[in-house]
C-alpha atoms as a PDB file:
ATOM      1  CA  MET A   1    -135.474 154.360 -63.724  1.00  0.00           C
ATOM      2  CA  ILE A   2    -132.772 152.827 -65.039  1.00  0.00           C
ATOM      3  CA  LYS A   3    -132.661 148.958 -65.130  1.00  0.00           C
ATOM      4  CA  MET A   4    -128.885 147.570 -64.348  1.00  0.00           C
ATOM      5  CA  TYR A   5    -128.713 144.306 -64.844  1.00  0.00           C
ATOM      6  CA  VAL A   6    -126.187 142.426 -63.098  1.00  0.00           C
ATOM      7  CA  MET A   7    -124.557 139.319 -61.805  1.00  0.00           C
ATOM      8  CA  LYS A   8    -122.838 139.176 -58.251  1.00  0.00           C
ATOM      9  CA  THR A   9    -120.465 137.052 -59.153  1.00  0.00           C
ATOM     10  CA  CYS A  10    -119.280 139.447 -61.837  1.00  0.00           C
ATOM     11  CA  PRO A  11    -116.144 142.306 -60.019  1.00  0.00           C
ATOM     12  CA  TYR A  12    -117.368 144.751 -62.614  1.00  0.00           C
ATOM     13  CA  CYS A  13    -121.093 144.435 -61.575  1.00  0.00           C
ATOM     14  CA  GLU A  14    -120.092 144.630 -57.893  1.00  0.00           C
ATOM     15  CA  TYR A  15    -117.563 147.965 -58.830  1.00  0.00           C
ATOM     16  CA  VAL A  16    -120.766 149.967 -60.207  1.00  0.00           C
ATOM     17  CA  GLU A  17    -123.262 148.756 -57.656  1.00  0.00           C
ATOM     18  CA  ARG A  18    -121.817 149.944 -55.105  1.00  0.00           C
ATOM     19  CA  GLN A  19    -121.974 153.393 -56.688  1.00  0.00           C
ATOM     20  CA  VAL A  20    -125.942 153.166 -56.866  1.00  0.00           C
ATOM     21  CA  GLU A  21    -126.831 152.019 -53.681  1.00  0.00           C
ATOM     22  CA  GLY A  22    -129.392 153.973 -52.143  1.00  0.00           C
ATOM     23  CA  ASP A  23    -129.970 155.611 -55.738  1.00  0.00           C
ATOM     24  CA  ALA A  24    -133.760 155.442 -56.624  1.00  0.00           C
ATOM     25  CA  ARG A  25    -132.369 156.368 -60.114  1.00  0.00           C
ATOM     26  CA  PHE A  26    -131.345 152.673 -60.645  1.00  0.00           C
ATOM     27  CA  GLN A  27    -133.305 149.471 -60.169  1.00  0.00           C
ATOM     28  CA  VAL A  28    -130.631 146.932 -59.752  1.00  0.00           C
ATOM     29  CA  ILE A  29    -132.037 143.339 -61.214  1.00  0.00           C
ATOM     30  CA  ASP A  30    -129.251 140.577 -60.141  1.00  0.00           C
ATOM     31  CA  ILE A  31    -129.872 137.981 -63.083  1.00  0.00           C
ATOM     32  CA  SER A  32    -128.761 135.070 -60.776  1.00  0.00           C
ATOM     33  CA  THR A  33    -131.140 135.375 -58.859  1.00  0.00           C
ATOM     34  CA  HIS A  34    -134.158 133.856 -60.646  1.00  0.00           C
ATOM     35  CA  VAL A  35    -134.100 131.924 -63.781  1.00  0.00           C
ATOM     36  CA  SER A  36    -137.114 134.270 -64.701  1.00  0.00           C
ATOM     37  CA  LEU A  37    -135.182 137.468 -64.446  1.00  0.00           C
ATOM     38  CA  LEU A  38    -131.790 135.482 -66.495  1.00  0.00           C
ATOM     39  CA  LYS A  39    -134.616 134.842 -69.333  1.00  0.00           C
ATOM     40  CA  GLU A  40    -135.561 138.386 -69.233  1.00  0.00           C
ATOM     41  CA  PHE A  41    -132.388 139.184 -69.893  1.00  0.00           C
ATOM     42  CA  LEU A  42    -131.774 137.196 -72.785  1.00  0.00           C
ATOM     43  CA  ASP A  43    -134.253 137.725 -74.268  1.00  0.00           C
ATOM     44  CA  LEU A  44    -132.832 141.617 -74.314  1.00  0.00           C
ATOM     45  CA  ARG A  45    -129.412 140.496 -75.173  1.00  0.00           C
ATOM     46  CA  ASP A  46    -130.487 137.963 -77.955  1.00  0.00           C
ATOM     47  CA  ASN A  47    -132.325 140.532 -79.956  1.00  0.00           C
ATOM     48  CA  HIS A  48    -131.043 143.953 -79.542  1.00  0.00           C
ATOM     49  CA  PRO A  49    -128.035 145.305 -81.282  1.00  0.00           C
ATOM     50  CA  ALA A  50    -126.279 146.889 -78.371  1.00  0.00           C
ATOM     51  CA  PHE A  51    -125.212 143.354 -77.316  1.00  0.00           C
ATOM     52  CA  ALA A  52    -123.842 142.455 -80.770  1.00  0.00           C
ATOM     53  CA  GLU A  53    -119.557 143.399 -80.345  1.00  0.00           C
ATOM     54  CA  ALA A  54    -120.380 141.888 -76.732  1.00  0.00           C
ATOM     55  CA  LYS A  55    -121.629 138.379 -78.353  1.00  0.00           C
ATOM     56  CA  ALA A  56    -118.548 138.697 -80.474  1.00  0.00           C
ATOM     57  CA  GLU A  57    -116.294 139.112 -78.343  1.00  0.00           C
ATOM     58  CA  GLY A  58    -117.431 136.326 -75.828  1.00  0.00           C
ATOM     59  CA  ASP A  59    -118.905 138.589 -72.718  1.00  0.00           C
ATOM     60  CA  VAL A  60    -121.623 138.140 -71.367  1.00  0.00           C
ATOM     61  CA  GLY A  61    -122.962 141.381 -71.487  1.00  0.00           C
ATOM     62  CA  VAL A  62    -123.336 142.470 -67.992  1.00  0.00           C
ATOM     63  CA  PRO A  63    -123.414 145.065 -66.602  1.00  0.00           C
ATOM     64  CA  CYS A  64    -125.999 146.292 -69.058  1.00  0.00           C
ATOM     65  CA  TYR A  65    -128.675 149.525 -68.706  1.00  0.00           C
ATOM     66  CA  VAL A  66    -131.910 149.832 -69.877  1.00  0.00           C
ATOM     67  CA  ARG A  67    -132.447 153.608 -69.753  1.00  0.00           C
ATOM     68  CA  GLU A  68    -136.289 154.750 -68.852  1.00  0.00           C
ATOM     69  CA  ASP A  69    -136.322 155.573 -73.227  1.00  0.00           C
ATOM     70  CA  GLY A  70    -135.585 151.903 -73.613  1.00  0.00           C
ATOM     71  CA  SER A  71    -132.476 152.452 -75.009  1.00  0.00           C
ATOM     72  CA  VAL A  72    -129.550 150.318 -73.978  1.00  0.00           C
ATOM     73  CA  THR A  73    -126.329 150.491 -73.421  1.00  0.00           C
ATOM     74  CA  LEU A  74    -123.286 148.526 -71.907  1.00  0.00           C
ATOM     75  CA  SER A  75    -121.452 151.412 -70.942  1.00  0.00           C
ATOM     76  CA  SER A  76    -121.504 152.214 -67.116  1.00  0.00           C
ATOM     77  CA  ALA A  77    -120.259 155.934 -68.365  1.00  0.00           C
ATOM     78  CA  ASP A  78    -123.357 156.249 -70.756  1.00  0.00           C
ATOM     79  CA  VAL A  79    -125.413 156.425 -67.164  1.00  0.00           C
ATOM     80  CA  GLY A  80    -122.981 158.193 -65.056  1.00  0.00           C
ATOM     81  CA  LEU A  81    -120.925 155.754 -63.640  1.00  0.00           C
ATOM     82  CA  GLU A  82    -117.440 155.071 -63.568  1.00  0.00           C
ATOM     83  CA  PRO A  83    -116.551 152.256 -65.361  1.00  0.00           C
ATOM     84  CA  MET A  84    -114.070 149.450 -63.659  1.00  0.00           C
ATOM     85  CA  PRO A  85    -110.350 150.383 -64.481  1.00  0.00           C
ATOM     86  CA  ASP A  86    -109.756 146.878 -66.369  1.00  0.00           C
ATOM     87  CA  GLY A  87    -113.039 146.627 -68.835  1.00  0.00           C
ATOM     88  CA  PRO A  88    -116.647 147.196 -69.245  1.00  0.00           C
ATOM     89  CA  ALA A  89    -117.916 143.265 -68.716  1.00  0.00           C
ATOM     90  CA  CYS A  90    -117.236 139.627 -68.395  1.00  0.00           C
ATOM     91  CA  GLY A  91    -115.993 137.399 -70.387  1.00  0.00           C
ATOM     92  CA  LEU A  92    -117.870 133.810 -71.390  1.00  0.00           C
ATOM     93  CA  ASP A  93    -114.137 132.262 -70.809  1.00  0.00           C
ATOM     94  CA  SER A  94    -114.027 134.083 -67.320  1.00  0.00           C
ATOM     95  CA  ARG A  95    -111.169 136.963 -68.684  1.00  0.00           C
ATOM     96  CA  GLY A  96    -111.590 139.683 -65.912  1.00  0.00           C
ATOM     97  CA  CYS A  97    -113.874 137.753 -63.793  1.00  0.00           C
END
């Protein structure tokens, strides 16, 4: 199962989340619903090299995908989803959100 970290207030997340409704291959984890989920995401974001570019650009790093083999990607296309045409992630400065 692919873990998909999202936030309900992120339009990019909403776009890809609609694509996985009813798809048992994905576990959608909304990090805004509980502080423990936010902490889980932040631990991943703070320690995984897949987030280096996102952090350098001031992006939050959602949507984010953790595949069954433990590999991490911020690319929706890498997990078979259609990325939102305007870009891959929301910025901390609200760019794109």
